Amino acid sequence: MRKHLLLQKAFSELRNSVYKDGALDLRTKELISIAASVLMRCERCTQIHAQRAKKLGATDEMIAEAVNCAMFVAAGSQLSWSDVI
């Protein structure tokens, strides 16, 4: 099997092991994934996870709050730079 096919298979298996009901439900996991995608600056990832979250009952307001949380973390991570000067 070609290397890229092995990688795709491994990624698919990882996805299947993460995105299943557990201590967190699937909708919560997708909302977390939206925030992580924003922080990783992956627009396509954000779109995919937002679509999945909506299919699981997330509202636009829930998605917006997940994005707001990511923005807050990103902004807070930069505060220490004010100590550089």
PDB file of N, CA and C in Angstrom:
ATOM      1  N   MET A   1       0.859  -1.185   0.000  1.00  0.00           N
ATOM      2  CA  MET A   1       0.000   0.000   0.000  1.00  0.00           C
ATOM      3  C   MET A   1       0.898   1.239   0.000  1.00  0.00           C
ATOM      4  N   ARG A   2       0.533   2.217  -0.782  1.00  0.00           N
ATOM      5  CA  ARG A   2       1.333   3.432  -0.870  1.00  0.00           C
ATOM      6  C   ARG A   2       1.315   4.175   0.453  1.00  0.00           C
ATOM      7  N   LYS A   3       2.402   4.910   0.706  1.00  0.00           N
ATOM      8  CA  LYS A   3       2.551   5.606   1.978  1.00  0.00           C
ATOM      9  C   LYS A   3       1.398   6.560   2.276  1.00  0.00           C
ATOM     10  N   HIS A   4       0.969   7.340   1.276  1.00  0.00           N
ATOM     11  CA  HIS A   4      -0.109   8.302   1.540  1.00  0.00           C
ATOM     12  C   HIS A   4      -1.415   7.590   1.874  1.00  0.00           C
ATOM     13  N   LEU A   5      -1.636   6.409   1.319  1.00  0.00           N
ATOM     14  CA  LEU A   5      -2.846   5.648   1.653  1.00  0.00           C
ATOM     15  C   LEU A   5      -2.779   5.126   3.079  1.00  0.00           C
ATOM     16  N   LEU A   6      -1.597   4.729   3.513  1.00  0.00           N
ATOM     17  CA  LEU A   6      -1.419   4.287   4.900  1.00  0.00           C
ATOM     18  C   LEU A   6      -1.666   5.447   5.856  1.00  0.00           C
ATOM     19  N   LEU A   7      -1.169   6.611   5.491  1.00  0.00           N
ATOM     20  CA  LEU A   7      -1.376   7.792   6.324  1.00  0.00           C
ATOM     21  C   LEU A   7      -2.854   8.150   6.399  1.00  0.00           C
ATOM     22  N   GLN A   8      -3.551   8.119   5.268  1.00  0.00           N
ATOM     23  CA  GLN A   8      -4.988   8.403   5.255  1.00  0.00           C
ATOM     24  C   GLN A   8      -5.753   7.405   6.116  1.00  0.00           C
ATOM     25  N   LYS A   9      -5.375   6.144   6.036  1.00  0.00           N
ATOM     26  CA  LYS A   9      -6.040   5.103   6.834  1.00  0.00           C
ATOM     27  C   LYS A   9      -5.808   5.344   8.328  1.00  0.00           C
ATOM     28  N   ALA A  10      -4.566   5.679   8.689  1.00  0.00           N
ATOM     29  CA  ALA A  10      -4.244   5.938  10.093  1.00  0.00           C
ATOM     30  C   ALA A  10      -5.002   7.167  10.604  1.00  0.00           C
ATOM     31  N   PHE A  11      -5.082   8.208   9.774  1.00  0.00           N
ATOM     32  CA  PHE A  11      -5.801   9.421  10.167  1.00  0.00           C
ATOM     33  C   PHE A  11      -7.283   9.126  10.356  1.00  0.00           C
ATOM     34  N   SER A  12      -7.843   8.318   9.479  1.00  0.00           N
ATOM     35  CA  SER A  12      -9.248   7.928   9.579  1.00  0.00           C
ATOM     36  C   SER A  12      -9.504   7.136  10.859  1.00  0.00           C
ATOM     37  N   GLU A  13      -8.594   6.228  11.185  1.00  0.00           N
ATOM     38  CA  GLU A  13      -8.741   5.446  12.412  1.00  0.00           C
ATOM     39  C   GLU A  13      -8.638   6.331  13.649  1.00  0.00           C
ATOM     40  N   LEU A  14      -7.728   7.312  13.613  1.00  0.00           N
ATOM     41  CA  LEU A  14      -7.613   8.257  14.724  1.00  0.00           C
ATOM     42  C   LEU A  14      -8.903   9.043  14.879  1.00  0.00           C
ATOM     43  N   ARG A  15      -9.429   9.557  13.751  1.00  0.00           N
ATOM     44  CA  ARG A  15     -10.695  10.304  13.785  1.00  0.00           C
ATOM     45  C   ARG A  15     -11.810   9.459  14.409  1.00  0.00           C
ATOM     46  N   ASN A  16     -11.909   8.208  13.973  1.00  0.00           N
ATOM     47  CA  ASN A  16     -12.965   7.336  14.488  1.00  0.00           C
ATOM     48  C   ASN A  16     -12.813   7.052  15.978  1.00  0.00           C
ATOM     49  N   SER A  17     -11.590   7.029  16.467  1.00  0.00           N
ATOM     50  CA  SER A  17     -11.392   6.769  17.898  1.00  0.00           C
ATOM     51  C   SER A  17     -11.669   8.003  18.747  1.00  0.00           C
ATOM     52  N   VAL A  18     -11.491   9.197  18.158  1.00  0.00           N
ATOM     53  CA  VAL A  18     -11.722  10.446  18.894  1.00  0.00           C
ATOM     54  C   VAL A  18     -13.181  10.866  18.830  1.00  0.00           C
ATOM     55  N   TYR A  19     -13.767  10.816  17.630  1.00  0.00           N
ATOM     56  CA  TYR A  19     -15.119  11.337  17.432  1.00  0.00           C
ATOM     57  C   TYR A  19     -16.167  10.250  17.618  1.00  0.00           C
ATOM     58  N   LYS A  20     -16.333   9.883  18.876  1.00  0.00           N
ATOM     59  CA  LYS A  20     -17.416   8.990  19.284  1.00  0.00           C
ATOM     60  C   LYS A  20     -17.840   9.451  20.667  1.00  0.00           C
ATOM     61  N   ASP A  21     -19.052   9.119  21.035  1.00  0.00           N
ATOM     62  CA  ASP A  21     -19.527   9.510  22.365  1.00  0.00           C
ATOM     63  C   ASP A  21     -18.638   8.885  23.420  1.00  0.00           C
ATOM     64  N   GLY A  22     -18.322   9.671  24.398  1.00  0.00           N
ATOM     65  CA  GLY A  22     -17.521   9.223  25.535  1.00  0.00           C
ATOM     66  C   GLY A  22     -17.879  10.111  26.703  1.00  0.00           C
ATOM     67  N   ALA A  23     -16.883  10.555  27.444  1.00  0.00           N
ATOM     68  CA  ALA A  23     -17.128  11.491  28.542  1.00  0.00           C
ATOM     69  C   ALA A  23     -17.711  12.798  27.987  1.00  0.00           C
ATOM     70  N   LEU A  24     -17.331  13.137  26.746  1.00  0.00           N
ATOM     71  CA  LEU A  24     -17.908  14.283  26.048  1.00  0.00           C
ATOM     72  C   LEU A  24     -18.779  13.776  24.909  1.00  0.00           C
ATOM     73  N   ASP A  25     -19.906  14.434  24.684  1.00  0.00           N
ATOM     74  CA  ASP A  25     -20.741  14.040  23.545  1.00  0.00           C
ATOM     75  C   ASP A  25     -20.129  14.590  22.249  1.00  0.00           C
ATOM     76  N   LEU A  26     -20.607  14.085  21.134  1.00  0.00           N
ATOM     77  CA  LEU A  26     -20.053  14.466  19.835  1.00  0.00           C
ATOM     78  C   LEU A  26     -20.182  15.956  19.547  1.00  0.00           C
ATOM     79  N   ARG A  27     -21.297  16.561  19.918  1.00  0.00           N
ATOM     80  CA  ARG A  27     -21.478  17.992  19.648  1.00  0.00           C
ATOM     81  C   ARG A  27     -20.432  18.811  20.391  1.00  0.00           C
ATOM     82  N   THR A  28     -20.185  18.473  21.640  1.00  0.00           N
ATOM     83  CA  THR A  28     -19.168  19.179  22.422  1.00  0.00           C
ATOM     84  C   THR A  28     -17.797  19.008  21.789  1.00  0.00           C
ATOM     85  N   LYS A  29     -17.486  17.800  21.341  1.00  0.00           N
ATOM     86  CA  LYS A  29     -16.198  17.556  20.688  1.00  0.00           C
ATOM     87  C   LYS A  29     -16.061  18.386  19.417  1.00  0.00           C
ATOM     88  N   GLU A  30     -17.141  18.532  18.665  1.00  0.00           N
ATOM     89  CA  GLU A  30     -17.082  19.340  17.447  1.00  0.00           C
ATOM     90  C   GLU A  30     -16.910  20.814  17.781  1.00  0.00           C
ATOM     91  N   LEU A  31     -17.550  21.299  18.849  1.00  0.00           N
ATOM     92  CA  LEU A  31     -17.369  22.694  19.257  1.00  0.00           C
ATOM     93  C   LEU A  31     -15.932  22.947  19.708  1.00  0.00           C
ATOM     94  N   ILE A  32     -15.350  22.010  20.427  1.00  0.00           N
ATOM     95  CA  ILE A  32     -13.935  22.121  20.801  1.00  0.00           C
ATOM     96  C   ILE A  32     -13.069  22.134  19.542  1.00  0.00           C
ATOM     97  N   SER A  33     -13.418  21.297  18.588  1.00  0.00           N
ATOM     98  CA  SER A  33     -12.652  21.218  17.341  1.00  0.00           C
ATOM     99  C   SER A  33     -12.749  22.503  16.537  1.00  0.00           C
ATOM    100  N   ILE A  34     -13.887  23.181  16.613  1.00  0.00           N
ATOM    101  CA  ILE A  34     -14.009  24.483  15.959  1.00  0.00           C
ATOM    102  C   ILE A  34     -13.010  25.461  16.568  1.00  0.00           C
ATOM    103  N   ALA A  35     -12.983  25.528  17.897  1.00  0.00           N
ATOM    104  CA  ALA A  35     -12.054  26.438  18.567  1.00  0.00           C
ATOM    105  C   ALA A  35     -10.601  26.090  18.233  1.00  0.00           C
ATOM    106  N   ALA A  36     -10.279  24.811  18.243  1.00  0.00           N
ATOM    107  CA  ALA A  36      -8.913  24.389  17.915  1.00  0.00           C
ATOM    108  C   ALA A  36      -8.573  24.736  16.472  1.00  0.00           C
ATOM    109  N   SER A  37      -9.526  24.569  15.567  1.00  0.00           N
ATOM    110  CA  SER A  37      -9.299  24.873  14.159  1.00  0.00           C
ATOM    111  C   SER A  37      -9.048  26.360  13.948  1.00  0.00           C
ATOM    112  N   VAL A  38      -9.776  27.194  14.683  1.00  0.00           N
ATOM    113  CA  VAL A  38      -9.554  28.636  14.609  1.00  0.00           C
ATOM    114  C   VAL A  38      -8.128  28.948  15.076  1.00  0.00           C
ATOM    115  N   LEU A  39      -7.717  28.349  16.183  1.00  0.00           N
ATOM    116  CA  LEU A  39      -6.376  28.602  16.705  1.00  0.00           C
ATOM    117  C   LEU A  39      -5.289  28.090  15.763  1.00  0.00           C
ATOM    118  N   MET A  40      -5.581  27.018  15.037  1.00  0.00           N
ATOM    119  CA  MET A  40      -4.623  26.475  14.065  1.00  0.00           C
ATOM    120  C   MET A  40      -4.687  27.227  12.734  1.00  0.00           C
ATOM    121  N   ARG A  41      -5.638  28.159  12.639  1.00  0.00           N
ATOM    122  CA  ARG A  41      -5.836  28.978  11.441  1.00  0.00           C
ATOM    123  C   ARG A  41      -6.145  28.121  10.208  1.00  0.00           C
ATOM    124  N   CYS A  42      -6.950  27.099  10.433  1.00  0.00           N
ATOM    125  CA  CYS A  42      -7.353  26.220   9.332  1.00  0.00           C
ATOM    126  C   CYS A  42      -8.820  26.513   9.003  1.00  0.00           C
ATOM    127  N   GLU A  43      -9.019  27.350   8.001  1.00  0.00           N
ATOM    128  CA  GLU A  43     -10.381  27.756   7.645  1.00  0.00           C
ATOM    129  C   GLU A  43     -11.224  26.556   7.216  1.00  0.00           C
ATOM    130  N   ARG A  44     -10.658  25.684   6.407  1.00  0.00           N
ATOM    131  CA  ARG A  44     -11.389  24.494   5.936  1.00  0.00           C
ATOM    132  C   ARG A  44     -11.773  23.600   7.115  1.00  0.00           C
ATOM    133  N   CYS A  45     -10.858  23.418   8.050  1.00  0.00           N
ATOM    134  CA  CYS A  45     -11.154  22.600   9.236  1.00  0.00           C
ATOM    135  C   CYS A  45     -12.302  23.220  10.034  1.00  0.00           C
ATOM    136  N   THR A  46     -12.265  24.542  10.186  1.00  0.00           N
ATOM    137  CA  THR A  46     -13.321  25.237  10.919  1.00  0.00           C
ATOM    138  C   THR A  46     -14.665  25.022  10.250  1.00  0.00           C
ATOM    139  N   GLN A  47     -14.698  25.130   8.923  1.00  0.00           N
ATOM    140  CA  GLN A  47     -15.941  24.914   8.183  1.00  0.00           C
ATOM    141  C   GLN A  47     -16.457  23.490   8.359  1.00  0.00           C
ATOM    142  N   ILE A  48     -15.570  22.517   8.250  1.00  0.00           N
ATOM    143  CA  ILE A  48     -15.970  21.108   8.382  1.00  0.00           C
ATOM    144  C   ILE A  48     -16.544  20.844   9.764  1.00  0.00           C
ATOM    145  N   HIS A  49     -15.848  21.301  10.805  1.00  0.00           N
ATOM    146  CA  HIS A  49     -16.327  21.037  12.166  1.00  0.00           C
ATOM    147  C   HIS A  49     -17.605  21.815  12.478  1.00  0.00           C
ATOM    148  N   ALA A  50     -17.764  23.006  11.899  1.00  0.00           N
ATOM    149  CA  ALA A  50     -19.003  23.762  12.096  1.00  0.00           C
ATOM    150  C   ALA A  50     -20.179  23.034  11.437  1.00  0.00           C
ATOM    151  N   GLN A  51     -19.973  22.509  10.240  1.00  0.00           N
ATOM    152  CA  GLN A  51     -21.031  21.738   9.570  1.00  0.00           C
ATOM    153  C   GLN A  51     -21.412  20.512  10.402  1.00  0.00           C
ATOM    154  N   ARG A  52     -20.411  19.812  10.899  1.00  0.00           N
ATOM    155  CA  ARG A  52     -20.690  18.622  11.715  1.00  0.00           C
ATOM    156  C   ARG A  52     -21.407  18.996  13.003  1.00  0.00           C
ATOM    157  N   ALA A  53     -20.968  20.094  13.629  1.00  0.00           N
ATOM    158  CA  ALA A  53     -21.606  20.537  14.872  1.00  0.00           C
ATOM    159  C   ALA A  53     -23.075  20.882  14.634  1.00  0.00           C
ATOM    160  N   LYS A  54     -23.359  21.555  13.513  1.00  0.00           N
ATOM    161  CA  LYS A  54     -24.749  21.911  13.189  1.00  0.00           C
ATOM    162  C   LYS A  54     -25.599  20.666  12.987  1.00  0.00           C
ATOM    163  N   LYS A  55     -25.039  19.652  12.327  1.00  0.00           N
ATOM    164  CA  LYS A  55     -25.776  18.402  12.138  1.00  0.00           C
ATOM    165  C   LYS A  55     -26.082  17.725  13.467  1.00  0.00           C
ATOM    166  N   LEU A  56     -25.268  18.023  14.484  1.00  0.00           N
ATOM    167  CA  LEU A  56     -25.467  17.447  15.817  1.00  0.00           C
ATOM    168  C   LEU A  56     -26.273  18.369  16.728  1.00  0.00           C
ATOM    169  N   GLY A  57     -26.836  19.447  16.148  1.00  0.00           N
ATOM    170  CA  GLY A  57     -27.733  20.317  16.910  1.00  0.00           C
ATOM    171  C   GLY A  57     -27.118  21.596  17.444  1.00  0.00           C
ATOM    172  N   ALA A  58     -25.887  21.898  17.101  1.00  0.00           N
ATOM    173  CA  ALA A  58     -25.281  23.148  17.557  1.00  0.00           C
ATOM    174  C   ALA A  58     -25.926  24.315  16.822  1.00  0.00           C
ATOM    175  N   THR A  59     -26.108  25.388  17.527  1.00  0.00           N
ATOM    176  CA  THR A  59     -26.680  26.596  16.934  1.00  0.00           C
ATOM    177  C   THR A  59     -25.546  27.516  16.465  1.00  0.00           C
ATOM    178  N   ASP A  60     -25.914  28.509  15.659  1.00  0.00           N
ATOM    179  CA  ASP A  60     -24.932  29.503  15.237  1.00  0.00           C
ATOM    180  C   ASP A  60     -24.334  30.216  16.454  1.00  0.00           C
ATOM    181  N   GLU A  61     -25.157  30.432  17.467  1.00  0.00           N
ATOM    182  CA  GLU A  61     -24.685  31.098  18.675  1.00  0.00           C
ATOM    183  C   GLU A  61     -23.650  30.244  19.408  1.00  0.00           C
ATOM    184  N   MET A  62     -23.857  28.940  19.457  1.00  0.00           N
ATOM    185  CA  MET A  62     -22.893  28.042  20.101  1.00  0.00           C
ATOM    186  C   MET A  62     -21.564  28.061  19.350  1.00  0.00           C
ATOM    187  N   ILE A  63     -21.651  28.035  18.032  1.00  0.00           N
ATOM    188  CA  ILE A  63     -20.444  28.058  17.209  1.00  0.00           C
ATOM    189  C   ILE A  63     -19.718  29.385  17.392  1.00  0.00           C
ATOM    190  N   ALA A  64     -20.457  30.477  17.422  1.00  0.00           N
ATOM    191  CA  ALA A  64     -19.851  31.795  17.633  1.00  0.00           C
ATOM    192  C   ALA A  64     -19.148  31.858  18.988  1.00  0.00           C
ATOM    193  N   GLU A  65     -19.742  31.274  20.009  1.00  0.00           N
ATOM    194  CA  GLU A  65     -19.108  31.276  21.330  1.00  0.00           C
ATOM    195  C   GLU A  65     -17.840  30.435  21.342  1.00  0.00           C
ATOM    196  N   ALA A  66     -17.826  29.335  20.607  1.00  0.00           N
ATOM    197  CA  ALA A  66     -16.605  28.522  20.498  1.00  0.00           C
ATOM    198  C   ALA A  66     -15.497  29.333  19.833  1.00  0.00           C
ATOM    199  N   VAL A  67     -15.855  30.070  18.780  1.00  0.00           N
ATOM    200  CA  VAL A  67     -14.876  30.928  18.104  1.00  0.00           C
ATOM    201  C   VAL A  67     -14.411  32.038  19.047  1.00  0.00           C
ATOM    202  N   ASN A  68     -15.341  32.626  19.803  1.00  0.00           N
ATOM    203  CA  ASN A  68     -14.973  33.667  20.767  1.00  0.00           C
ATOM    204  C   ASN A  68     -13.992  33.153  21.807  1.00  0.00           C
ATOM    205  N   CYS A  69     -14.188  31.933  22.272  1.00  0.00           N
ATOM    206  CA  CYS A  69     -13.256  31.342  23.243  1.00  0.00           C
ATOM    207  C   CYS A  69     -11.869  31.211  22.636  1.00  0.00           C
ATOM    208  N   ALA A  70     -11.804  30.767  21.390  1.00  0.00           N
ATOM    209  CA  ALA A  70     -10.514  30.643  20.707  1.00  0.00           C
ATOM    210  C   ALA A  70      -9.849  32.009  20.572  1.00  0.00           C
ATOM    211  N   MET A  71     -10.629  33.020  20.216  1.00  0.00           N
ATOM    212  CA  MET A  71     -10.078  34.368  20.074  1.00  0.00           C
ATOM    213  C   MET A  71      -9.535  34.873  21.404  1.00  0.00           C
ATOM    214  N   PHE A  72     -10.233  34.584  22.494  1.00  0.00           N
ATOM    215  CA  PHE A  72      -9.783  35.009  23.814  1.00  0.00           C
ATOM    216  C   PHE A  72      -8.456  34.345  24.176  1.00  0.00           C
ATOM    217  N   VAL A  73      -8.366  33.038  23.952  1.00  0.00           N
ATOM    218  CA  VAL A  73      -7.124  32.316  24.247  1.00  0.00           C
ATOM    219  C   VAL A  73      -5.979  32.875  23.402  1.00  0.00           C
ATOM    220  N   ALA A  74      -6.251  33.116  22.123  1.00  0.00           N
ATOM    221  CA  ALA A  74      -5.217  33.668  21.242  1.00  0.00           C
ATOM    222  C   ALA A  74      -4.753  35.039  21.729  1.00  0.00           C
ATOM    223  N   ALA A  75      -5.686  35.886  22.114  1.00  0.00           N
ATOM    224  CA  ALA A  75      -5.326  37.220  22.602  1.00  0.00           C
ATOM    225  C   ALA A  75      -4.556  37.129  23.915  1.00  0.00           C
ATOM    226  N   GLY A  76      -5.021  36.296  24.804  1.00  0.00           N
ATOM    227  CA  GLY A  76      -4.350  36.147  26.097  1.00  0.00           C
ATOM    228  C   GLY A  76      -2.940  35.606  25.970  1.00  0.00           C
ATOM    229  N   SER A  77      -2.718  34.775  24.962  1.00  0.00           N
ATOM    230  CA  SER A  77      -1.392  34.200  24.793  1.00  0.00           C
ATOM    231  C   SER A  77      -0.360  35.244  24.392  1.00  0.00           C
ATOM    232  N   GLN A  78      -0.828  36.405  23.962  1.00  0.00           N
ATOM    233  CA  GLN A  78       0.081  37.465  23.512  1.00  0.00           C
ATOM    234  C   GLN A  78       0.384  38.498  24.592  1.00  0.00           C
ATOM    235  N   LEU A  79      -0.308  38.429  25.724  1.00  0.00           N
ATOM    236  CA  LEU A  79      -0.135  39.437  26.769  1.00  0.00           C
ATOM    237  C   LEU A  79       1.294  39.503  27.303  1.00  0.00           C
ATOM    238  N   SER A  80       1.982  38.369  27.389  1.00  0.00           N
ATOM    239  CA  SER A  80       3.332  38.370  27.946  1.00  0.00           C
ATOM    240  C   SER A  80       4.304  39.152  27.091  1.00  0.00           C
ATOM    241  N   TRP A  81       3.973  39.375  25.813  1.00  0.00           N
ATOM    242  CA  TRP A  81       4.861  40.161  24.948  1.00  0.00           C
ATOM    243  C   TRP A  81       4.991  41.600  25.420  1.00  0.00           C
ATOM    244  N   SER A  82       4.022  42.078  26.195  1.00  0.00           N
ATOM    245  CA  SER A  82       4.122  43.460  26.687  1.00  0.00           C
ATOM    246  C   SER A  82       5.253  43.607  27.691  1.00  0.00           C
ATOM    247  N   ASP A  83       5.751  42.496  28.249  1.00  0.00           N
ATOM    248  CA  ASP A  83       6.864  42.530  29.200  1.00  0.00           C
ATOM    249  C   ASP A  83       8.218  42.563  28.493  1.00  0.00           C
ATOM    250  N   VAL A  84       8.241  42.376  27.191  1.00  0.00           N
ATOM    251  CA  VAL A  84       9.492  42.296  26.438  1.00  0.00           C
ATOM    252  C   VAL A  84      10.190  43.661  26.400  1.00  0.00           C
ATOM    253  N   ILE A  85       9.409  44.714  26.298  1.00  0.00           N
ATOM    254  CA  ILE A  85      10.034  46.050  26.183  1.00  0.00           C
ATOM    255  C   ILE A  85      10.234  46.706  27.521  1.00  0.00           C
TER     256      ILE A  85
END
